[in-house]
Amino acid sequence: IGPKWKDVVSRCIKGHYQPLLLLYADPRGTPVSAQDLASRLDLHHYTKAYYDSEDS
């Protein structure tokens, strides 16, 4: 679609796309190791009580 995020957004708007999942890789980004990612995640937010709400 394009090298910039605004190109992706413009293409979705012009094509009337409503993607369920849109993946975008920043060409200037750097990879994150699984070990680094695990230390950044806060798993306390993903408890059973979180999923047992009346809205779900």
N, C-alpha and C. Protein backbone atom coordinates (compact mmCIF):
# COMPACT_ATOMS: atom_id res chain seq x y z
N ILE A 1 0.83 -1.19 0.00
CA ILE A 1 0.00 0.00 0.00
C ILE A 1 0.87 1.24 0.00
N GLY A 2 1.92 1.24 0.78
CA GLY A 2 2.81 2.39 0.82
C GLY A 2 3.78 2.30 1.98
N PRO A 3 4.83 3.08 1.92
CA PRO A 3 5.85 3.02 2.96
C PRO A 3 5.50 3.82 4.22
N LYS A 4 4.46 4.61 4.16
CA LYS A 4 4.11 5.45 5.30
C LYS A 4 2.72 5.11 5.81
N TRP A 5 2.52 5.29 7.12
CA TRP A 5 1.24 4.99 7.73
C TRP A 5 0.11 5.78 7.10
N LYS A 6 0.37 7.06 6.76
CA LYS A 6 -0.70 7.86 6.16
C LYS A 6 -1.11 7.31 4.80
N ASP A 7 -0.19 6.65 4.08
CA ASP A 7 -0.54 6.00 2.81
C ASP A 7 -1.52 4.84 3.05
N VAL A 8 -1.27 4.09 4.11
CA VAL A 8 -2.14 2.97 4.47
C VAL A 8 -3.53 3.48 4.81
N VAL A 9 -3.60 4.50 5.65
CA VAL A 9 -4.89 5.07 6.06
C VAL A 9 -5.63 5.63 4.85
N SER A 10 -4.94 6.36 3.99
CA SER A 10 -5.58 6.94 2.80
C SER A 10 -6.15 5.85 1.90
N ARG A 11 -5.39 4.77 1.71
CA ARG A 11 -5.86 3.68 0.85
C ARG A 11 -7.10 3.02 1.43
N CYS A 12 -7.11 2.84 2.74
CA CYS A 12 -8.29 2.24 3.39
C CYS A 12 -9.51 3.14 3.24
N ILE A 13 -9.32 4.44 3.40
CA ILE A 13 -10.43 5.38 3.27
C ILE A 13 -10.93 5.43 1.83
N LYS A 14 -10.02 5.54 0.88
CA LYS A 14 -10.42 5.63 -0.54
C LYS A 14 -11.10 4.36 -1.01
N GLY A 15 -10.65 3.21 -0.52
CA GLY A 15 -11.22 1.94 -0.94
C GLY A 15 -12.40 1.50 -0.09
N HIS A 16 -12.77 2.34 0.88
CA HIS A 16 -13.87 2.02 1.80
C HIS A 16 -13.61 0.70 2.52
N TYR A 17 -12.35 0.42 2.84
CA TYR A 17 -11.99 -0.81 3.55
C TYR A 17 -12.26 -0.63 5.04
N GLN A 18 -12.73 -1.68 5.65
CA GLN A 18 -12.92 -1.72 7.10
C GLN A 18 -12.24 -2.99 7.60
N PRO A 19 -10.93 -2.97 7.66
CA PRO A 19 -10.21 -4.21 8.01
C PRO A 19 -10.44 -4.63 9.45
N LEU A 20 -10.58 -5.92 9.65
CA LEU A 20 -10.67 -6.45 11.00
C LEU A 20 -9.30 -6.44 11.66
N LEU A 21 -8.29 -6.65 10.85
CA LEU A 21 -6.92 -6.67 11.35
C LEU A 21 -6.04 -6.00 10.32
N LEU A 22 -5.33 -5.00 10.74
CA LEU A 22 -4.44 -4.28 9.85
C LEU A 22 -3.05 -4.33 10.44
N LEU A 23 -2.14 -4.97 9.72
CA LEU A 23 -0.76 -5.07 10.18
C LEU A 23 0.09 -4.06 9.43
N TYR A 24 0.92 -3.37 10.16
CA TYR A 24 1.81 -2.39 9.56
C TYR A 24 3.17 -2.53 10.21
N ALA A 25 4.18 -2.66 9.39
CA ALA A 25 5.55 -2.75 9.90
C ALA A 25 6.26 -1.44 9.62
N ASP A 26 6.79 -0.85 10.66
CA ASP A 26 7.55 0.39 10.51
C ASP A 26 8.91 0.05 9.93
N PRO A 27 9.24 0.54 8.73
CA PRO A 27 10.52 0.21 8.12
C PRO A 27 11.71 0.69 8.93
N ARG A 28 11.50 1.65 9.82
CA ARG A 28 12.59 2.14 10.66
C ARG A 28 12.60 1.47 12.03
N GLY A 29 11.67 0.54 12.24
CA GLY A 29 11.56 -0.13 13.54
C GLY A 29 12.68 -1.12 13.76
N THR A 30 12.83 -1.51 15.00
CA THR A 30 13.83 -2.51 15.36
C THR A 30 13.12 -3.70 15.99
N PRO A 31 13.64 -4.91 15.74
CA PRO A 31 13.00 -6.09 16.32
C PRO A 31 13.10 -6.11 17.84
N VAL A 32 12.14 -6.76 18.46
CA VAL A 32 12.12 -6.91 19.91
C VAL A 32 12.25 -8.40 20.21
N SER A 33 13.16 -8.76 21.08
CA SER A 33 13.33 -10.17 21.42
C SER A 33 12.17 -10.64 22.30
N ALA A 34 11.92 -11.94 22.30
CA ALA A 34 10.84 -12.50 23.12
C ALA A 34 11.10 -12.24 24.60
N GLN A 35 12.34 -12.27 25.01
CA GLN A 35 12.67 -12.02 26.42
C GLN A 35 12.34 -10.58 26.80
N ASP A 36 12.69 -9.64 25.94
CA ASP A 36 12.38 -8.23 26.21
C ASP A 36 10.88 -8.00 26.24
N LEU A 37 10.16 -8.64 25.33
CA LEU A 37 8.72 -8.47 25.26
C LEU A 37 8.05 -9.00 26.53
N ALA A 38 8.48 -10.17 26.97
CA ALA A 38 7.88 -10.77 28.17
C ALA A 38 8.06 -9.86 29.38
N SER A 39 9.17 -9.17 29.47
CA SER A 39 9.39 -8.30 30.62
C SER A 39 8.55 -7.03 30.54
N ARG A 40 8.08 -6.68 29.35
CA ARG A 40 7.28 -5.46 29.18
C ARG A 40 5.79 -5.70 29.36
N LEU A 41 5.35 -6.95 29.23
CA LEU A 41 3.93 -7.25 29.34
C LEU A 41 3.47 -7.18 30.78
N ASP A 42 2.30 -6.64 30.98
CA ASP A 42 1.70 -6.60 32.30
C ASP A 42 0.52 -7.55 32.28
N LEU A 43 0.74 -8.78 32.70
CA LEU A 43 -0.29 -9.80 32.61
C LEU A 43 -1.36 -9.68 33.68
N HIS A 44 -1.21 -8.76 34.60
CA HIS A 44 -2.22 -8.58 35.64
C HIS A 44 -3.54 -8.06 35.05
N HIS A 45 -3.49 -7.46 33.88
CA HIS A 45 -4.71 -6.94 33.25
C HIS A 45 -5.54 -8.05 32.61
N TYR A 46 -4.95 -9.20 32.39
CA TYR A 46 -5.62 -10.28 31.68
C TYR A 46 -6.05 -11.38 32.65
N THR A 47 -6.83 -11.03 33.61
CA THR A 47 -7.30 -11.99 34.61
C THR A 47 -8.66 -12.53 34.21
N LYS A 48 -9.08 -13.59 34.88
CA LYS A 48 -10.38 -14.19 34.60
C LYS A 48 -11.51 -13.18 34.83
N ALA A 49 -11.39 -12.36 35.84
CA ALA A 49 -12.42 -11.37 36.12
C ALA A 49 -12.58 -10.39 34.96
N TYR A 50 -11.50 -10.10 34.28
CA TYR A 50 -11.54 -9.18 33.15
C TYR A 50 -12.43 -9.75 32.04
N TYR A 51 -12.37 -11.06 31.82
CA TYR A 51 -13.14 -11.67 30.74
C TYR A 51 -14.55 -12.06 31.16
N ASP A 52 -14.84 -12.05 32.44
CA ASP A 52 -16.15 -12.46 32.91
C ASP A 52 -17.09 -11.28 33.14
N SER A 53 -16.89 -10.21 32.44
CA SER A 53 -17.76 -9.05 32.63
C SER A 53 -19.12 -9.32 32.01
N GLU A 54 -20.12 -8.57 32.42
CA GLU A 54 -21.48 -8.74 31.89
C GLU A 54 -21.59 -8.31 30.44
N ASP A 55 -20.66 -7.48 29.97
CA ASP A 55 -20.73 -6.98 28.59
C ASP A 55 -20.26 -8.00 27.58
N SER A 56 -19.57 -9.05 27.99
CA SER A 56 -19.02 -10.00 27.02
C SER A 56 -19.97 -11.12 26.71
